[in-house]
């Protein structure tokens, strides 16, 4: 094994092993915390679950560390994507939850109800899959003369043109898919939001595709993806709307209303937004490393000079 092959193998092993250990923890913790916040928001207490809010932030930081380890290999993000499929199945079944880290009493049926209306696991898997493919694309295209070569500089205008509409679409479609009536929550728990609710899985699938497009946009401009994610998805859903609702008293009450749809969608949008913002940083690290490698190779070629006849 040559030195280059050994280094590549070491990078893949480090990235993949780190993700294999921490990805399931991050994904289960994030989903469990999200449903915890959603369950309390459904009874008019959007900021009551400190455990859930902090849990979402900590789980997202784990995803950021996984992304950081993808600068030399996309193996970590591929492993995270595979784990998201397995964790997603258990979330749909209501199994993947951490009761002792949840403020509310969330049963398996409540956990399943909290993720099924918005296809949260599917959204997460599509986003992580798109992130893995984008990181791989950045690394493969470095130094190659292809139809879409790796740009030397970020195309911020183009990136923003892709990212901003995609982020807005995610928010609008997820709110459209959210339940609008919590009358049965008091008697049935969080699963009560599904009583009489016509599933908007088409809207949720559209949100998942828009989320994947948001990540792909990081290939041209990480700035556009980051700003759109944090300012359009995370800041309103994680901070602005819950704080406004708590201060003004405009919280969820029994009965059908648009406010209920927005408030129930906020935890899901916050979790997906934070995961997207942190995971997409892997595209930046991979891009920076690829450009450094490309420049080093070009400099070495230049120093060697033209071959002698």
Protein backbone atom coordinates (compact mmCIF):
# COMPACT_ATOMS: atom_id res chain seq x y z
CA UNK A 1 0.00 0.00 0.00
CA UNK A 2 1.44 3.35 -1.05
CA UNK A 3 1.52 6.40 1.21
CA UNK A 4 -1.35 8.03 -0.71
CA UNK A 5 -3.47 4.88 -0.52
CA UNK A 6 -2.75 4.57 3.20
CA UNK A 7 -3.74 8.18 3.77
CA UNK A 8 -6.98 7.78 1.82
CA UNK A 9 -7.85 4.60 3.70
CA UNK A 10 -7.11 6.29 7.01
CA UNK A 11 -9.35 9.23 6.11
CA UNK A 12 -12.22 6.94 5.14
CA UNK A 13 -11.80 4.84 8.27
CA UNK A 14 -11.70 7.86 10.59
CA UNK A 15 -14.69 9.52 8.96
CA UNK A 16 -16.77 6.35 8.72
CA UNK A 17 -15.99 5.08 12.22
CA UNK A 18 -16.77 8.43 13.86
CA UNK A 19 -20.11 8.58 12.05
CA UNK A 20 -20.89 4.93 12.81
CA UNK A 21 -20.61 5.66 16.54
CA UNK A 22 -22.15 9.11 16.82
CA UNK A 23 -24.67 9.32 13.93
CA UNK A 24 -27.32 7.08 15.54
CA UNK A 25 -26.96 8.98 18.81
CA UNK A 26 -27.43 12.31 17.05
CA UNK A 27 -30.37 11.15 14.94
CA UNK A 28 -32.28 9.49 17.78
CA UNK A 29 -31.57 12.39 20.15
CA UNK A 30 -32.67 14.97 17.58
CA UNK A 31 -35.92 13.20 16.70
CA UNK A 32 -36.78 12.48 20.32
CA UNK A 33 -36.15 16.09 21.35
CA UNK A 34 -38.16 17.41 18.41
CA UNK A 35 -41.22 15.34 19.32
CA UNK A 36 -40.86 16.38 22.97
CA UNK A 37 -41.01 20.06 22.00
CA UNK A 38 -43.90 19.36 19.62
CA UNK A 39 -45.88 17.52 22.30
CA UNK A 40 -45.71 20.47 24.69
CA UNK A 41 -46.40 22.98 21.92
CA UNK A 42 -49.59 21.02 21.17
CA UNK A 43 -50.87 21.81 24.68
CA UNK A 44 -49.94 25.49 24.51
CA UNK A 45 -46.43 25.39 26.03
CA UNK A 46 -43.97 25.96 23.16
CA UNK A 47 -40.99 26.79 25.40
CA UNK A 48 -41.71 24.40 28.28
CA UNK A 49 -39.30 21.65 27.20
CA UNK A 50 -35.84 22.96 27.98
CA UNK A 51 -34.60 19.40 27.61
CA UNK A 52 -36.00 19.22 24.10
CA UNK A 53 -34.64 22.58 22.98
CA UNK A 54 -31.16 21.88 24.32
CA UNK A 55 -31.29 18.33 22.98
CA UNK A 56 -31.98 19.56 19.45
CA UNK A 57 -28.98 21.90 19.66
CA UNK A 58 -26.63 19.24 21.04
CA UNK A 59 -27.71 16.65 18.48
CA UNK A 60 -27.10 19.16 15.69
CA UNK A 61 -23.60 19.80 17.03
CA UNK A 62 -22.88 16.08 16.75
CA UNK A 63 -23.93 16.24 13.09
CA UNK A 64 -21.58 19.21 12.65
CA UNK A 65 -18.69 17.15 14.05
CA UNK A 66 -19.55 14.31 11.66
CA UNK A 67 -19.54 16.81 8.78
CA UNK A 68 -16.17 18.17 9.92
CA UNK A 69 -14.71 14.67 9.62
CA UNK A 70 -15.85 14.49 5.98
CA UNK A 71 -13.26 16.95 4.65
CA UNK A 72 -11.11 14.14 3.23
CA UNK A 73 -13.76 11.49 2.69
CA UNK A 74 -17.52 11.37 2.24
CA UNK A 75 -17.65 8.03 4.08
CA UNK A 76 -18.90 9.64 7.28
CA UNK A 77 -21.90 11.24 5.59
CA UNK A 78 -22.68 8.04 3.71
CA UNK A 79 -22.69 6.13 7.00
CA UNK A 80 -24.89 8.82 8.55
CA UNK A 81 -27.32 8.50 5.64
CA UNK A 82 -27.50 4.72 6.08
CA UNK A 83 -28.08 5.13 9.81
CA UNK A 84 -30.85 7.65 9.09
CA UNK A 85 -32.75 4.97 7.16
CA UNK A 86 -32.60 2.54 10.06
CA UNK A 87 -33.39 5.18 12.67
CA UNK A 88 -36.20 6.52 10.49
CA UNK A 89 -37.94 3.14 10.43
CA UNK A 90 -37.81 2.94 14.23
CA UNK A 91 -39.11 6.50 14.50
CA UNK A 92 -42.10 5.65 12.32
CA UNK A 93 -42.69 2.71 14.68
CA UNK A 94 -42.38 4.98 17.71
CA UNK A 95 -39.41 3.09 19.12
CA UNK A 96 -36.54 5.58 18.69
CA UNK A 97 -37.08 7.87 21.67
CA UNK A 98 -35.25 8.71 24.89
CA UNK A 99 -37.94 9.03 27.62
CA UNK A 100 -35.61 10.08 30.45
CA UNK A 101 -34.43 13.07 28.38
CA UNK A 102 -37.95 14.23 27.55
CA UNK A 103 -40.00 16.74 29.52
CA UNK A 104 -43.35 15.37 28.33
CA UNK A 105 -44.72 11.86 28.65
CA UNK A 106 -44.39 10.63 25.08
CA UNK A 107 -45.56 7.11 24.35
CA UNK A 108 -44.58 5.14 21.22
CA UNK A 109 -47.83 6.09 19.48
CA UNK A 110 -47.15 9.76 20.26
CA UNK A 111 -43.63 9.47 18.87
CA UNK A 112 -44.95 7.93 15.66
CA UNK A 113 -47.64 10.60 15.36
CA UNK A 114 -45.09 13.38 15.80
CA UNK A 115 -43.03 12.26 12.81
CA UNK A 116 -45.54 10.69 10.43
CA UNK A 117 -47.58 13.74 9.39
CA UNK A 118 -44.50 15.57 8.08
CA UNK A 119 -42.51 12.47 7.02
CA UNK A 120 -39.71 13.77 9.24
CA UNK A 121 -37.48 10.66 8.90
CA UNK A 122 -37.80 10.75 5.11
CA UNK A 123 -36.92 14.45 5.03
CA UNK A 124 -33.85 13.78 7.16
CA UNK A 125 -32.72 10.85 5.02
CA UNK A 126 -33.13 12.73 1.73
CA UNK A 127 -31.22 15.70 3.12
CA UNK A 128 -28.34 13.55 4.39
CA UNK A 129 -28.26 11.56 1.15
CA UNK A 130 -28.06 14.77 -0.87
CA UNK A 131 -25.31 16.00 1.44
CA UNK A 132 -23.28 12.81 0.95
CA UNK A 133 -23.64 13.01 -2.83
CA UNK A 134 -22.69 16.70 -2.86
CA UNK A 135 -19.57 16.09 -0.78
CA UNK A 136 -18.62 13.23 -3.09
CA UNK A 137 -19.24 15.42 -6.14
CA UNK A 138 -17.03 18.20 -4.78
CA UNK A 139 -14.16 15.78 -4.18
CA UNK A 140 -14.50 13.89 -7.48
CA UNK A 141 -14.70 17.01 -9.66
CA UNK A 142 -11.64 18.66 -8.13
CA UNK A 143 -9.11 18.87 -10.93
CA UNK A 144 -11.29 17.16 -13.51
CA UNK A 145 -12.29 18.69 -16.81
CA UNK A 146 -16.00 17.88 -16.72
CA UNK A 147 -19.17 19.64 -17.77
CA UNK A 148 -19.52 20.91 -14.18
CA UNK A 149 -15.95 21.42 -12.90
CA UNK A 150 -15.31 22.55 -9.34
CA UNK A 151 -15.52 26.34 -9.31
CA UNK A 152 -12.51 28.14 -7.83
CA UNK A 153 -14.71 30.70 -6.06
CA UNK A 154 -18.18 30.57 -4.54
CA UNK A 155 -21.00 31.72 -6.81
CA UNK A 156 -22.94 33.49 -4.08
CA UNK A 157 -25.66 34.98 -6.29
CA UNK A 158 -26.45 31.64 -7.93
CA UNK A 159 -26.31 29.83 -4.60
CA UNK A 160 -28.73 32.29 -3.02
CA UNK A 161 -31.05 31.98 -6.02
CA UNK A 162 -31.29 28.25 -5.32
CA UNK A 163 -31.22 28.29 -1.52
CA UNK A 164 -33.70 31.03 -0.62
CA UNK A 165 -36.67 29.71 -2.67
CA UNK A 166 -35.88 26.16 -1.51
CA UNK A 167 -35.90 27.18 2.17
CA UNK A 168 -39.15 29.11 1.76
CA UNK A 169 -40.69 26.11 0.01
CA UNK A 170 -39.67 23.82 2.88
CA UNK A 171 -41.36 26.09 5.41
CA UNK A 172 -44.56 26.63 3.43
CA UNK A 173 -44.99 22.97 2.47
CA UNK A 174 -44.34 21.70 5.99
CA UNK A 175 -46.86 24.14 7.47
CA UNK A 176 -49.34 22.99 4.84
CA UNK A 177 -48.81 19.35 5.83
CA UNK A 178 -49.15 20.00 9.59
CA UNK A 179 -52.33 19.11 11.53
CA UNK A 180 -54.66 22.02 12.27
CA UNK A 181 -56.67 20.75 15.28
CA UNK A 182 -55.42 19.65 18.72
CA UNK A 183 -58.82 19.15 20.36
CA UNK A 184 -58.14 15.46 21.06
CA UNK A 185 -54.62 15.95 22.44
CA UNK A 186 -55.83 16.36 26.03
CA UNK A 187 -57.48 12.95 25.97
CA UNK A 188 -55.21 11.00 23.62
CA UNK A 189 -51.81 12.63 23.86
CA UNK A 190 -49.88 13.83 20.82
CA UNK A 191 -51.44 11.13 18.65
CA UNK A 192 -54.67 13.11 19.00
CA UNK A 193 -53.44 15.59 16.38
CA UNK A 194 -54.01 12.94 13.73
CA UNK A 195 -57.71 12.54 14.57
CA UNK A 196 -59.60 13.88 11.59
CA UNK A 197 -56.37 15.07 9.95
CA UNK A 198 -56.09 14.47 6.22
CA UNK A 199 -52.46 13.50 5.69
CA UNK A 200 -50.57 15.87 3.40
CA UNK A 201 -47.77 13.48 2.50
CA UNK A 202 -47.49 15.00 -0.96
CA UNK A 203 -46.67 18.35 0.63
CA UNK A 204 -44.23 16.71 3.04
CA UNK A 205 -42.48 14.92 0.18
CA UNK A 206 -42.19 18.24 -1.64
CA UNK A 207 -40.60 19.73 1.49
CA UNK A 208 -38.13 16.83 1.60
CA UNK A 209 -37.09 17.41 -2.02
CA UNK A 210 -36.73 21.15 -1.42
CA UNK A 211 -34.54 20.39 1.61
CA UNK A 212 -32.32 18.17 -0.55
CA UNK A 213 -32.07 20.94 -3.14
CA UNK A 214 -31.06 23.35 -0.38
CA UNK A 215 -28.09 21.12 0.45
CA UNK A 216 -27.11 20.63 -3.19
CA UNK A 217 -26.95 24.42 -3.52
CA UNK A 218 -24.01 24.38 -1.09
CA UNK A 219 -21.89 23.04 -3.95
CA UNK A 220 -21.92 26.52 -5.49
CA UNK A 221 -22.28 28.66 -2.37
CA UNK A 222 -22.21 27.53 1.24
CA UNK A 223 -23.16 31.09 2.21
CA UNK A 224 -26.51 30.89 0.45
CA UNK A 225 -27.35 27.54 2.03
CA UNK A 226 -26.29 28.62 5.51
CA UNK A 227 -28.09 31.97 5.48
CA UNK A 228 -31.28 30.48 4.04
CA UNK A 229 -31.23 27.61 6.53
CA UNK A 230 -30.59 29.61 9.69
CA UNK A 231 -32.51 32.79 8.87
CA UNK A 232 -35.55 31.29 7.11
CA UNK A 233 -35.96 27.94 8.88
CA UNK A 234 -34.16 27.83 12.23
CA UNK A 235 -34.47 31.38 13.57
CA UNK A 236 -38.25 31.70 13.08
CA UNK A 237 -39.10 28.09 14.05
CA UNK A 238 -36.69 27.67 16.96
CA UNK A 239 -36.77 31.18 18.44
CA UNK A 240 -39.08 33.81 16.94
CA UNK A 241 -42.44 32.00 16.72
CA UNK A 242 -42.24 30.16 20.10
CA UNK A 243 -41.09 33.29 21.95
CA UNK A 244 -43.74 35.44 20.24
CA UNK A 245 -46.44 32.89 21.04
CA UNK A 246 -45.41 32.68 24.70
CA UNK A 247 -45.18 36.45 25.19
CA UNK A 248 -48.45 37.29 23.44
CA UNK A 249 -50.48 34.28 24.55
CA UNK A 250 -51.10 33.21 20.95
CA UNK A 251 -50.47 29.55 21.73
CA UNK A 252 -52.24 26.45 20.48
CA UNK A 253 -55.79 26.05 21.81
CA UNK A 254 -58.43 23.42 20.95
CA UNK A 255 -59.98 23.98 17.57
CA UNK A 256 -58.82 24.22 13.98
CA UNK A 257 -56.62 27.19 13.06
CA UNK A 258 -53.65 28.24 10.96
CA UNK A 259 -51.77 29.11 14.17
CA UNK A 260 -51.97 25.45 15.19
CA UNK A 261 -50.43 24.35 11.90
CA UNK A 262 -47.59 26.87 12.23
CA UNK A 263 -46.88 26.00 15.87
CA UNK A 264 -46.85 22.25 15.24
CA UNK A 265 -44.61 22.65 12.20
CA UNK A 266 -42.05 24.80 14.04
CA UNK A 267 -40.28 21.99 15.98
CA UNK A 268 -40.00 19.89 12.83
CA UNK A 269 -38.70 22.81 10.77
CA UNK A 270 -36.24 23.74 13.52
CA UNK A 271 -34.86 20.19 13.76
CA UNK A 272 -34.55 19.78 9.99
CA UNK A 273 -33.08 23.26 9.61
CA UNK A 274 -30.45 22.77 12.30
CA UNK A 275 -29.50 19.38 10.90
CA UNK A 276 -29.25 20.83 7.39
CA UNK A 277 -27.17 23.79 8.49
CA UNK A 278 -24.71 21.61 10.41
CA UNK A 279 -24.49 18.72 7.93
CA UNK A 280 -24.00 21.00 4.91
CA UNK A 281 -20.84 22.37 6.51
CA UNK A 282 -19.24 19.14 5.35
CA UNK A 283 -19.56 20.44 1.79
CA UNK A 284 -17.51 23.49 2.75
CA UNK A 285 -14.76 21.46 4.44
CA UNK A 286 -14.60 19.05 1.50
CA UNK A 287 -14.47 21.96 -0.95
CA UNK A 288 -11.67 23.74 0.92
CA UNK A 289 -9.60 20.55 1.14
CA UNK A 290 -10.24 19.70 -2.53
CA UNK A 291 -9.13 23.17 -3.67
CA UNK A 292 -5.99 23.00 -1.53
CA UNK A 293 -5.14 19.62 -3.03
CA UNK A 294 -5.83 20.91 -6.54
CA UNK A 295 -3.61 23.96 -6.02
CA UNK A 296 -0.83 21.82 -4.53
CA UNK A 297 -0.92 19.46 -7.51
CA UNK A 298 -0.85 22.34 -9.98
CA UNK A 299 2.08 23.94 -8.16
CA UNK A 300 3.99 20.66 -8.17
CA UNK A 301 3.35 20.26 -11.89
CA UNK A 302 4.49 23.82 -12.54
CA UNK A 303 7.69 23.35 -10.54
CA UNK A 304 8.56 20.19 -12.46
CA UNK A 305 8.41 22.13 -15.71
CA UNK A 306 7.84 20.67 -19.19
CA UNK A 307 9.13 17.23 -19.87
CA UNK A 308 12.42 17.01 -21.82
CA UNK A 309 12.49 15.34 -25.23
